[in-house]
Amino acid sequence: MPRHIAESPRSERRGSPRKRAQVQVQYESVDELFTEFTHDINEGGVFVATERPLDPDEPIELVFQLPGSDHSICVAGRVVRVQTKEADGVAGMAIAFDPLDATARAA
């Protein structure tokens, strides 16, 4: 079950407030299905912690369930940044969402 952690103190760098949350996220590459966890999320995108990030600018579809929700959300996006473990202690990739539909935005 996902759990809420706390609001991030660096949310002022984004267009919408960022929430620190651990949410299980599923996504696929061309030949493999991955299940990883987010570290933070906002309506503009998400950071997915993974030792095997996709390449920058690669399109991606994510499926996840937000804390307190009974419904999965499917969103499309693009990898905008890859982070190594040495850079910030957590390896992963930042994903910018494509424009969200009304249901995903409301969630």
PDB file of N, CA and C in Angstrom:
ATOM      1  N   MET A   1       0.838  -1.184   0.000  1.00  0.00           N
ATOM      2  CA  MET A   1       0.000   0.000   0.000  1.00  0.00           C
ATOM      3  C   MET A   1       0.881   1.244   0.000  1.00  0.00           C
ATOM      4  N   PRO A   2       0.648   2.197  -0.864  1.00  0.00           N
ATOM      5  CA  PRO A   2       1.450   3.413  -0.875  1.00  0.00           C
ATOM      6  C   PRO A   2       1.319   4.159   0.445  1.00  0.00           C
ATOM      7  N   ARG A   3       2.363   4.912   0.799  1.00  0.00           N
ATOM      8  CA  ARG A   3       2.277   5.704   2.019  1.00  0.00           C
ATOM      9  C   ARG A   3       2.785   7.101   1.760  1.00  0.00           C
ATOM     10  N   HIS A   4       2.119   8.059   2.375  1.00  0.00           N
ATOM     11  CA  HIS A   4       2.486   9.464   2.244  1.00  0.00           C
ATOM     12  C   HIS A   4       3.689   9.713   3.149  1.00  0.00           C
ATOM     13  N   ILE A   5       4.697  10.417   2.660  1.00  0.00           N
ATOM     14  CA  ILE A   5       5.869  10.695   3.475  1.00  0.00           C
ATOM     15  C   ILE A   5       5.817  12.119   4.009  1.00  0.00           C
ATOM     16  N   ALA A   6       5.959  13.132   3.188  1.00  0.00           N
ATOM     17  CA  ALA A   6       5.899  14.540   3.609  1.00  0.00           C
ATOM     18  C   ALA A   6       6.052  15.414   2.383  1.00  0.00           C
ATOM     19  N   GLU A   7       5.697  16.666   2.500  1.00  0.00           N
ATOM     20  CA  GLU A   7       5.875  17.580   1.383  1.00  0.00           C
ATOM     21  C   GLU A   7       7.342  17.957   1.255  1.00  0.00           C
ATOM     22  N   SER A   8       7.811  18.057   0.034  1.00  0.00           N
ATOM     23  CA  SER A   8       9.201  18.374  -0.242  1.00  0.00           C
ATOM     24  C   SER A   8       9.486  19.855  -0.018  1.00  0.00           C
ATOM     25  N   PRO A   9      10.619  20.192   0.576  1.00  0.00           N
ATOM     26  CA  PRO A   9      10.955  21.595   0.764  1.00  0.00           C
ATOM     27  C   PRO A   9      11.413  22.270  -0.525  1.00  0.00           C
ATOM     28  N   ARG A  10      11.711  21.514  -1.596  1.00  0.00           N
ATOM     29  CA  ARG A  10      12.180  22.114  -2.834  1.00  0.00           C
ATOM     30  C   ARG A  10      11.062  22.271  -3.861  1.00  0.00           C
ATOM     31  N   SER A  11       9.812  22.205  -3.444  1.00  0.00           N
ATOM     32  CA  SER A  11       8.695  22.262  -4.383  1.00  0.00           C
ATOM     33  C   SER A  11       8.596  23.590  -5.119  1.00  0.00           C
ATOM     34  N   GLU A  12       9.255  24.645  -4.619  1.00  0.00           N
ATOM     35  CA  GLU A  12       9.162  25.947  -5.252  1.00  0.00           C
ATOM     36  C   GLU A  12       9.798  25.980  -6.639  1.00  0.00           C
ATOM     37  N   ARG A  13      10.589  24.969  -7.008  1.00  0.00           N
ATOM     38  CA  ARG A  13      11.223  24.928  -8.322  1.00  0.00           C
ATOM     39  C   ARG A  13      10.273  24.420  -9.398  1.00  0.00           C
ATOM     40  N   ARG A  14       9.110  23.961  -9.055  1.00  0.00           N
ATOM     41  CA  ARG A  14       8.197  23.358 -10.001  1.00  0.00           C
ATOM     42  C   ARG A  14       6.977  24.241 -10.218  1.00  0.00           C
ATOM     43  N   GLY A  15       6.258  23.955 -11.323  1.00  0.00           N
ATOM     44  CA  GLY A  15       5.064  24.721 -11.648  1.00  0.00           C
ATOM     45  C   GLY A  15       3.891  24.384 -10.770  1.00  0.00           C
ATOM     46  N   SER A  16       3.922  23.236 -10.112  1.00  0.00           N
ATOM     47  CA  SER A  16       2.864  22.846  -9.185  1.00  0.00           C
ATOM     48  C   SER A  16       3.512  22.190  -7.970  1.00  0.00           C
ATOM     49  N   PRO A  17       2.826  22.191  -6.833  1.00  0.00           N
ATOM     50  CA  PRO A  17       3.421  21.646  -5.611  1.00  0.00           C
ATOM     51  C   PRO A  17       3.803  20.183  -5.756  1.00  0.00           C
ATOM     52  N   ARG A  18       4.954  19.835  -5.218  1.00  0.00           N
ATOM     53  CA  ARG A  18       5.441  18.470  -5.251  1.00  0.00           C
ATOM     54  C   ARG A  18       5.143  17.830  -3.907  1.00  0.00           C
ATOM     55  N   LYS A  19       4.742  16.577  -3.939  1.00  0.00           N
ATOM     56  CA  LYS A  19       4.508  15.816  -2.715  1.00  0.00           C
ATOM     57  C   LYS A  19       5.511  14.683  -2.647  1.00  0.00           C
ATOM     58  N   ARG A  20       6.130  14.546  -1.484  1.00  0.00           N
ATOM     59  CA  ARG A  20       6.991  13.388  -1.252  1.00  0.00           C
ATOM     60  C   ARG A  20       6.065  12.222  -0.984  1.00  0.00           C
ATOM     61  N   ALA A  21       6.178  11.179  -1.762  1.00  0.00           N
ATOM     62  CA  ALA A  21       5.321  10.013  -1.593  1.00  0.00           C
ATOM     63  C   ALA A  21       6.029   8.793  -2.121  1.00  0.00           C
ATOM     64  N   GLN A  22       5.792   7.679  -1.494  1.00  0.00           N
ATOM     65  CA  GLN A  22       6.297   6.415  -2.010  1.00  0.00           C
ATOM     66  C   GLN A  22       5.114   5.706  -2.644  1.00  0.00           C
ATOM     67  N   VAL A  23       5.117   5.662  -3.962  1.00  0.00           N
ATOM     68  CA  VAL A  23       4.032   5.068  -4.725  1.00  0.00           C
ATOM     69  C   VAL A  23       4.641   4.071  -5.694  1.00  0.00           C
ATOM     70  N   GLN A  24       4.078   2.877  -5.749  1.00  0.00           N
ATOM     71  CA  GLN A  24       4.556   1.875  -6.693  1.00  0.00           C
ATOM     72  C   GLN A  24       4.132   2.272  -8.104  1.00  0.00           C
ATOM     73  N   VAL A  25       5.079   2.211  -9.043  1.00  0.00           N
ATOM     74  CA  VAL A  25       4.861   2.619 -10.426  1.00  0.00           C
ATOM     75  C   VAL A  25       5.263   1.474 -11.342  1.00  0.00           C
ATOM     76  N   GLN A  26       4.432   1.199 -12.354  1.00  0.00           N
ATOM     77  CA  GLN A  26       4.784   0.207 -13.364  1.00  0.00           C
ATOM     78  C   GLN A  26       4.967   0.901 -14.697  1.00  0.00           C
ATOM     79  N   TYR A  27       5.961   0.443 -15.452  1.00  0.00           N
ATOM     80  CA  TYR A  27       6.186   0.966 -16.798  1.00  0.00           C
ATOM     81  C   TYR A  27       6.893  -0.095 -17.625  1.00  0.00           C
ATOM     82  N   GLU A  28       6.847   0.079 -18.937  1.00  0.00           N
ATOM     83  CA  GLU A  28       7.458  -0.878 -19.852  1.00  0.00           C
ATOM     84  C   GLU A  28       8.485  -0.201 -20.728  1.00  0.00           C
ATOM     85  N   SER A  29       9.544  -0.959 -21.025  1.00  0.00           N
ATOM     86  CA  SER A  29      10.434  -0.561 -22.106  1.00  0.00           C
ATOM     87  C   SER A  29      10.008  -1.415 -23.299  1.00  0.00           C
ATOM     88  N   VAL A  30      10.791  -1.439 -24.340  1.00  0.00           N
ATOM     89  CA  VAL A  30      10.433  -2.207 -25.532  1.00  0.00           C
ATOM     90  C   VAL A  30      10.219  -3.687 -25.207  1.00  0.00           C
ATOM     91  N   ASP A  31      11.020  -4.244 -24.314  1.00  0.00           N
ATOM     92  CA  ASP A  31      10.958  -5.687 -24.081  1.00  0.00           C
ATOM     93  C   ASP A  31      10.872  -6.110 -22.616  1.00  0.00           C
ATOM     94  N   GLU A  32      10.587  -5.188 -21.698  1.00  0.00           N
ATOM     95  CA  GLU A  32      10.576  -5.548 -20.282  1.00  0.00           C
ATOM     96  C   GLU A  32       9.594  -4.697 -19.491  1.00  0.00           C
ATOM     97  N   LEU A  33       8.929  -5.303 -18.502  1.00  0.00           N
ATOM     98  CA  LEU A  33       8.021  -4.607 -17.597  1.00  0.00           C
ATOM     99  C   LEU A  33       8.767  -4.345 -16.294  1.00  0.00           C
ATOM    100  N   PHE A  34       8.677  -3.110 -15.788  1.00  0.00           N
ATOM    101  CA  PHE A  34       9.353  -2.733 -14.551  1.00  0.00           C
ATOM    102  C   PHE A  34       8.329  -2.327 -13.498  1.00  0.00           C
ATOM    103  N   THR A  35       8.645  -2.614 -12.244  1.00  0.00           N
ATOM    104  CA  THR A  35       7.887  -2.112 -11.108  1.00  0.00           C
ATOM    105  C   THR A  35       8.894  -1.452 -10.178  1.00  0.00           C
ATOM    106  N   GLU A  36       8.738  -0.149  -9.976  1.00  0.00           N
ATOM    107  CA  GLU A  36       9.662   0.626  -9.145  1.00  0.00           C
ATOM    108  C   GLU A  36       8.843   1.500  -8.202  1.00  0.00           C
ATOM    109  N   PHE A  37       9.503   2.441  -7.527  1.00  0.00           N
ATOM    110  CA  PHE A  37       8.820   3.357  -6.620  1.00  0.00           C
ATOM    111  C   PHE A  37       9.168   4.797  -6.945  1.00  0.00           C
ATOM    112  N   THR A  38       8.206   5.693  -6.721  1.00  0.00           N
ATOM    113  CA  THR A  38       8.462   7.115  -6.861  1.00  0.00           C
ATOM    114  C   THR A  38       9.089   7.624  -5.579  1.00  0.00           C
ATOM    115  N   HIS A  39       9.678   8.790  -5.675  1.00  0.00           N
ATOM    116  CA  HIS A  39      10.142   9.515  -4.487  1.00  0.00           C
ATOM    117  C   HIS A  39       9.343  10.784  -4.318  1.00  0.00           C
ATOM    118  N   ASP A  40       8.889  11.343  -5.414  1.00  0.00           N
ATOM    119  CA  ASP A  40       8.023  12.519  -5.339  1.00  0.00           C
ATOM    120  C   ASP A  40       7.211  12.616  -6.617  1.00  0.00           C
ATOM    121  N   ILE A  41       6.104  13.327  -6.508  1.00  0.00           N
ATOM    122  CA  ILE A  41       5.174  13.411  -7.631  1.00  0.00           C
ATOM    123  C   ILE A  41       4.452  14.752  -7.581  1.00  0.00           C
ATOM    124  N   ASN A  42       4.131  15.293  -8.754  1.00  0.00           N
ATOM    125  CA  ASN A  42       3.235  16.442  -8.848  1.00  0.00           C
ATOM    126  C   ASN A  42       2.473  16.311 -10.157  1.00  0.00           C
ATOM    127  N   GLU A  43       1.607  17.237 -10.465  1.00  0.00           N
ATOM    128  CA  GLU A  43       0.799  17.065 -11.674  1.00  0.00           C
ATOM    129  C   GLU A  43       1.617  17.235 -12.947  1.00  0.00           C
ATOM    130  N   GLY A  44       2.857  17.672 -12.830  1.00  0.00           N
ATOM    131  CA  GLY A  44       3.721  17.822 -13.998  1.00  0.00           C
ATOM    132  C   GLY A  44       4.627  16.640 -14.260  1.00  0.00           C
ATOM    133  N   GLY A  45       4.840  15.801 -13.236  1.00  0.00           N
ATOM    134  CA  GLY A  45       5.737  14.668 -13.441  1.00  0.00           C
ATOM    135  C   GLY A  45       6.037  13.919 -12.158  1.00  0.00           C
ATOM    136  N   VAL A  46       7.015  13.019 -12.270  1.00  0.00           N
ATOM    137  CA  VAL A  46       7.338  12.121 -11.171  1.00  0.00           C
ATOM    138  C   VAL A  46       8.813  11.735 -11.259  1.00  0.00           C
ATOM    139  N   PHE A  47       9.408  11.444 -10.109  1.00  0.00           N
ATOM    140  CA  PHE A  47      10.758  10.873 -10.084  1.00  0.00           C
ATOM    141  C   PHE A  47      10.614   9.406  -9.726  1.00  0.00           C
ATOM    142  N   VAL A  48      11.164   8.523 -10.573  1.00  0.00           N
ATOM    143  CA  VAL A  48      11.103   7.084 -10.335  1.00  0.00           C
ATOM    144  C   VAL A  48      12.490   6.604  -9.944  1.00  0.00           C
ATOM    145  N   ALA A  49      12.595   6.019  -8.758  1.00  0.00           N
ATOM    146  CA  ALA A  49      13.858   5.467  -8.291  1.00  0.00           C
ATOM    147  C   ALA A  49      14.098   4.134  -8.994  1.00  0.00           C
ATOM    148  N   THR A  50      15.215   4.042  -9.712  1.00  0.00           N
ATOM    149  CA  THR A  50      15.552   2.810 -10.409  1.00  0.00           C
ATOM    150  C   THR A  50      17.041   2.780 -10.716  1.00  0.00           C
ATOM    151  N   GLU A  51      17.611   1.602 -10.665  1.00  0.00           N
ATOM    152  CA  GLU A  51      19.011   1.414 -11.042  1.00  0.00           C
ATOM    153  C   GLU A  51      19.137   1.245 -12.556  1.00  0.00           C
ATOM    154  N   ARG A  52      17.985   1.105 -13.254  1.00  0.00           N
ATOM    155  CA  ARG A  52      17.986   0.899 -14.708  1.00  0.00           C
ATOM    156  C   ARG A  52      17.097   1.926 -15.401  1.00  0.00           C
ATOM    157  N   PRO A  53      17.487   3.202 -15.354  1.00  0.00           N
ATOM    158  CA  PRO A  53      16.646   4.228 -15.979  1.00  0.00           C
ATOM    159  C   PRO A  53      16.638   4.109 -17.498  1.00  0.00           C
ATOM    160  N   LEU A  54      15.571   4.588 -18.095  1.00  0.00           N
ATOM    161  CA  LEU A  54      15.498   4.672 -19.543  1.00  0.00           C
ATOM    162  C   LEU A  54      16.327   5.867 -20.002  1.00  0.00           C
ATOM    163  N   ASP A  55      16.563   5.955 -21.284  1.00  0.00           N
ATOM    164  CA  ASP A  55      17.361   7.061 -21.825  1.00  0.00           C
ATOM    165  C   ASP A  55      16.587   8.372 -21.796  1.00  0.00           C
ATOM    166  N   PRO A  56      17.295   9.497 -21.641  1.00  0.00           N
ATOM    167  CA  PRO A  56      16.627  10.798 -21.716  1.00  0.00           C
ATOM    168  C   PRO A  56      15.866  10.948 -23.033  1.00  0.00           C
ATOM    169  N   ASP A  57      14.729  11.595 -22.958  1.00  0.00           N
ATOM    170  CA  ASP A  57      13.829  11.868 -24.070  1.00  0.00           C
ATOM    171  C   ASP A  57      13.044  10.645 -24.532  1.00  0.00           C
ATOM    172  N   GLU A  58      13.199   9.505 -23.858  1.00  0.00           N
ATOM    173  CA  GLU A  58      12.447   8.305 -24.235  1.00  0.00           C
ATOM    174  C   GLU A  58      11.004   8.432 -23.755  1.00  0.00           C
ATOM    175  N   PRO A  59      10.036   8.129 -24.632  1.00  0.00           N
ATOM    176  CA  PRO A  59       8.630   8.154 -24.197  1.00  0.00           C
ATOM    177  C   PRO A  59       8.358   6.996 -23.246  1.00  0.00           C
ATOM    178  N   ILE A  60       7.375   7.200 -22.356  1.00  0.00           N
ATOM    179  CA  ILE A  60       7.076   6.187 -21.337  1.00  0.00           C
ATOM    180  C   ILE A  60       5.608   6.273 -20.954  1.00  0.00           C
ATOM    181  N   GLU A  61       5.027   5.144 -20.605  1.00  0.00           N
ATOM    182  CA  GLU A  61       3.685   5.107 -20.014  1.00  0.00           C
ATOM    183  C   GLU A  61       3.814   4.543 -18.622  1.00  0.00           C
ATOM    184  N   LEU A  62       3.210   5.209 -17.651  1.00  0.00           N
ATOM    185  CA  LEU A  62       3.264   4.805 -16.254  1.00  0.00           C
ATOM    186  C   LEU A  62       1.873   4.439 -15.768  1.00  0.00           C
ATOM    187  N   VAL A  63       1.809   3.454 -14.894  1.00  0.00           N
ATOM    188  CA  VAL A  63       0.565   3.086 -14.228  1.00  0.00           C
ATOM    189  C   VAL A  63       0.849   3.097 -12.734  1.00  0.00           C
ATOM    190  N   PHE A  64       0.022   3.824 -11.977  1.00  0.00           N
ATOM    191  CA  PHE A  64       0.217   3.888 -10.532  1.00  0.00           C
ATOM    192  C   PHE A  64      -1.102   4.201  -9.842  1.00  0.00           C
ATOM    193  N   GLN A  65      -1.095   3.994  -8.523  1.00  0.00           N
ATOM    194  CA  GLN A  65      -2.257   4.282  -7.692  1.00  0.00           C
ATOM    195  C   GLN A  65      -1.815   5.253  -6.607  1.00  0.00           C
ATOM    196  N   LEU A  66      -2.475   6.400  -6.536  1.00  0.00           N
ATOM    197  CA  LEU A  66      -2.111   7.414  -5.551  1.00  0.00           C
ATOM    198  C   LEU A  66      -2.596   7.020  -4.158  1.00  0.00           C
ATOM    199  N   PRO A  67      -1.899   7.490  -3.112  1.00  0.00           N
ATOM    200  CA  PRO A  67      -2.345   7.203  -1.750  1.00  0.00           C
ATOM    201  C   PRO A  67      -3.793   7.656  -1.541  1.00  0.00           C
ATOM    202  N   GLY A  68      -4.600   6.805  -0.930  1.00  0.00           N
ATOM    203  CA  GLY A  68      -5.987   7.132  -0.644  1.00  0.00           C
ATOM    204  C   GLY A  68      -6.942   6.888  -1.798  1.00  0.00           C
ATOM    205  N   SER A  69      -6.441   6.379  -2.918  1.00  0.00           N
ATOM    206  CA  SER A  69      -7.278   6.138  -4.088  1.00  0.00           C
ATOM    207  C   SER A  69      -7.440   4.641  -4.325  1.00  0.00           C
ATOM    208  N   ASP A  70      -8.592   4.259  -4.872  1.00  0.00           N
ATOM    209  CA  ASP A  70      -8.834   2.857  -5.222  1.00  0.00           C
ATOM    210  C   ASP A  70      -8.633   2.599  -6.704  1.00  0.00           C
ATOM    211  N   HIS A  71      -8.274   3.637  -7.471  1.00  0.00           N
ATOM    212  CA  HIS A  71      -8.186   3.514  -8.919  1.00  0.00           C
ATOM    213  C   HIS A  71      -6.763   3.744  -9.413  1.00  0.00           C
ATOM    214  N   SER A  72      -6.360   2.958 -10.395  1.00  0.00           N
ATOM    215  CA  SER A  72      -5.058   3.153 -11.034  1.00  0.00           C
ATOM    216  C   SER A  72      -5.159   4.280 -12.046  1.00  0.00           C
ATOM    217  N   ILE A  73      -4.049   4.969 -12.219  1.00  0.00           N
ATOM    218  CA  ILE A  73      -3.947   6.055 -13.188  1.00  0.00           C
ATOM    219  C   ILE A  73      -2.907   5.649 -14.218  1.00  0.00           C
ATOM    220  N   CYS A  74      -3.203   5.856 -15.477  1.00  0.00           N
ATOM    221  CA  CYS A  74      -2.260   5.603 -16.554  1.00  0.00           C
ATOM    222  C   CYS A  74      -1.937   6.938 -17.221  1.00  0.00           C
ATOM    223  N   VAL A  75      -0.660   7.292 -17.252  1.00  0.00           N
ATOM    224  CA  VAL A  75      -0.248   8.553 -17.864  1.00  0.00           C
ATOM    225  C   VAL A  75       0.928   8.306 -18.806  1.00  0.00           C
ATOM    226  N   ALA A  76       1.008   9.110 -19.836  1.00  0.00           N
ATOM    227  CA  ALA A  76       2.138   9.078 -20.755  1.00  0.00           C
ATOM    228  C   ALA A  76       3.075  10.216 -20.403  1.00  0.00           C
ATOM    229  N   GLY A  77       4.332  10.048 -20.728  1.00  0.00           N
ATOM    230  CA  GLY A  77       5.297  11.096 -20.461  1.00  0.00           C
ATOM    231  C   GLY A  77       6.585  10.843 -21.205  1.00  0.00           C
ATOM    232  N   ARG A  78       7.622  11.533 -20.750  1.00  0.00           N
ATOM    233  CA  ARG A  78       8.930  11.450 -21.390  1.00  0.00           C
ATOM    234  C   ARG A  78       9.996  11.605 -20.309  1.00  0.00           C
ATOM    235  N   VAL A  79      11.070  10.808 -20.406  1.00  0.00           N
ATOM    236  CA  VAL A  79      12.187  10.922 -19.474  1.00  0.00           C
ATOM    237  C   VAL A  79      12.892  12.246 -19.752  1.00  0.00           C
ATOM    238  N   VAL A  80      13.001  13.086 -18.722  1.00  0.00           N
ATOM    239  CA  VAL A  80      13.634  14.392 -18.901  1.00  0.00           C
ATOM    240  C   VAL A  80      14.995  14.491 -18.213  1.00  0.00           C
ATOM    241  N   ARG A  81      15.266  13.570 -17.284  1.00  0.00           N
ATOM    242  CA  ARG A  81      16.556  13.609 -16.583  1.00  0.00           C
ATOM    243  C   ARG A  81      16.839  12.243 -15.993  1.00  0.00           C
ATOM    244  N   VAL A  82      18.107  11.829 -16.077  1.00  0.00           N
ATOM    245  CA  VAL A  82      18.558  10.594 -15.448  1.00  0.00           C
ATOM    246  C   VAL A  82      19.537  10.985 -14.356  1.00  0.00           C
ATOM    247  N   GLN A  83      19.372  10.390 -13.193  1.00  0.00           N
ATOM    248  CA  GLN A  83      20.209  10.720 -12.038  1.00  0.00           C
ATOM    249  C   GLN A  83      20.950   9.477 -11.576  1.00  0.00           C
ATOM    250  N   THR A  84      22.256   9.609 -11.350  1.00  0.00           N
ATOM    251  CA  THR A  84      23.041   8.495 -10.830  1.00  0.00           C
ATOM    252  C   THR A  84      22.989   8.499  -9.310  1.00  0.00           C
ATOM    253  N   LYS A  85      23.274   7.376  -8.731  1.00  0.00           N
ATOM    254  CA  LYS A  85      23.263   7.266  -7.273  1.00  0.00           C
ATOM    255  C   LYS A  85      24.295   8.211  -6.647  1.00  0.00           C
ATOM    256  N   GLU A  86      25.410   8.398  -7.319  1.00  0.00           N
ATOM    257  CA  GLU A  86      26.456   9.268  -6.797  1.00  0.00           C
ATOM    258  C   GLU A  86      26.008  10.729  -6.746  1.00  0.00           C
ATOM    259  N   ALA A  87      25.104  11.125  -7.634  1.00  0.00           N
ATOM    260  CA  ALA A  87      24.685  12.528  -7.713  1.00  0.00           C
ATOM    261  C   ALA A  87      23.856  12.970  -6.506  1.00  0.00           C
ATOM    262  N   ASP A  88      22.955  12.119  -6.015  1.00  0.00           N
ATOM    263  CA  ASP A  88      22.062  12.539  -4.933  1.00  0.00           C
ATOM    264  C   ASP A  88      21.708  11.395  -3.991  1.00  0.00           C
ATOM    265  N   GLY A  89      22.420  10.285  -4.077  1.00  0.00           N
ATOM    266  CA  GLY A  89      22.154   9.155  -3.207  1.00  0.00           C
ATOM    267  C   GLY A  89      21.064   8.227  -3.702  1.00  0.00           C
ATOM    268  N   VAL A  90      20.302   8.643  -4.728  1.00  0.00           N
ATOM    269  CA  VAL A  90      19.224   7.821  -5.270  1.00  0.00           C
ATOM    270  C   VAL A  90      19.330   7.833  -6.788  1.00  0.00           C
ATOM    271  N   ALA A  91      19.488   6.663  -7.379  1.00  0.00           N
ATOM    272  CA  ALA A  91      19.508   6.563  -8.839  1.00  0.00           C
ATOM    273  C   ALA A  91      18.072   6.557  -9.348  1.00  0.00           C
ATOM    274  N   GLY A  92      17.867   7.148 -10.519  1.00  0.00           N
ATOM    275  CA  GLY A  92      16.523   7.122 -11.075  1.00  0.00           C
ATOM    276  C   GLY A  92      16.370   8.033 -12.264  1.00  0.00           C
ATOM    277  N   MET A  93      15.101   8.320 -12.569  1.00  0.00           N
ATOM    278  CA  MET A  93      14.799   9.170 -13.725  1.00  0.00           C
ATOM    279  C   MET A  93      13.615  10.067 -13.407  1.00  0.00           C
ATOM    280  N   ALA A  94      13.724  11.298 -13.880  1.00  0.00           N
ATOM    281  CA  ALA A  94      12.631  12.258 -13.759  1.00  0.00           C
ATOM    282  C   ALA A  94      11.811  12.161 -15.038  1.00  0.00           C
ATOM    283  N   ILE A  95      10.508  12.086 -14.872  1.00  0.00           N
ATOM    284  CA  ILE A  95       9.602  11.940 -16.001  1.00  0.00           C
ATOM    285  C   ILE A  95       8.621  13.097 -15.998  1.00  0.00           C
ATOM    286  N   ALA A  96       8.524  13.791 -17.130  1.00  0.00           N
ATOM    287  CA  ALA A  96       7.532  14.857 -17.306  1.00  0.00           C
ATOM    288  C   ALA A  96       6.312  14.234 -17.961  1.00  0.00           C
ATOM    289  N   PHE A  97       5.145  14.454 -17.364  1.00  0.00           N
ATOM    290  CA  PHE A  97       3.908  13.922 -17.926  1.00  0.00           C
ATOM    291  C   PHE A  97       3.513  14.701 -19.174  1.00  0.00           C
ATOM    292  N   ASP A  98       2.931  14.012 -20.142  1.00  0.00           N
ATOM    293  CA  ASP A  98       2.232  14.674 -21.232  1.00  0.00           C
ATOM    294  C   ASP A  98       1.000  15.321 -20.613  1.00  0.00           C
ATOM    295  N   PRO A  99       0.303  16.204 -21.330  1.00  0.00           N
ATOM    296  CA  PRO A  99      -0.898  16.815 -20.741  1.00  0.00           C
ATOM    297  C   PRO A  99      -1.843  15.741 -20.174  1.00  0.00           C
ATOM    298  N   LEU A 100      -2.270  15.970 -18.925  1.00  0.00           N
ATOM    299  CA  LEU A 100      -3.117  14.999 -18.231  1.00  0.00           C
ATOM    300  C   LEU A 100      -4.583  15.161 -18.635  1.00  0.00           C
ATOM    301  N   ASP A 101      -5.303  14.029 -18.668  1.00  0.00           N
ATOM    302  CA  ASP A 101      -6.747  14.128 -18.883  1.00  0.00           C
ATOM    303  C   ASP A 101      -7.380  14.582 -17.573  1.00  0.00           C
ATOM    304  N   ALA A 102      -8.660  14.900 -17.618  1.00  0.00           N
ATOM    305  CA  ALA A 102      -9.365  15.452 -16.459  1.00  0.00           C
ATOM    306  C   ALA A 102      -9.338  14.510 -15.258  1.00  0.00           C
ATOM    307  N   THR A 103      -9.454  13.217 -15.472  1.00  0.00           N
ATOM    308  CA  THR A 103      -9.472  12.245 -14.379  1.00  0.00           C
ATOM    309  C   THR A 103      -8.127  12.201 -13.674  1.00  0.00           C
ATOM    310  N   ALA A 104      -7.042  12.124 -14.447  1.00  0.00           N
ATOM    311  CA  ALA A 104      -5.698  12.082 -13.852  1.00  0.00           C
ATOM    312  C   ALA A 104      -5.388  13.391 -13.144  1.00  0.00           C
ATOM    313  N   ARG A 105      -5.753  14.511 -13.719  1.00  0.00           N
ATOM    314  CA  ARG A 105      -5.497  15.817 -13.099  1.00  0.00           C
ATOM    315  C   ARG A 105      -6.243  15.944 -11.766  1.00  0.00           C
ATOM    316  N   ALA A 106      -7.498  15.496 -11.722  1.00  0.00           N
ATOM    317  CA  ALA A 106      -8.285  15.577 -10.493  1.00  0.00           C
ATOM    318  C   ALA A 106      -7.666  14.721  -9.390  1.00  0.00           C
ATOM    319  N   ALA A 107      -7.137  13.573  -9.751  1.00  0.00           N
ATOM    320  CA  ALA A 107      -6.514  12.679  -8.751  1.00  0.00           C
ATOM    321  C   ALA A 107      -5.275  13.332  -8.181  1.00  0.00           C
TER     322      ALA A 107
END
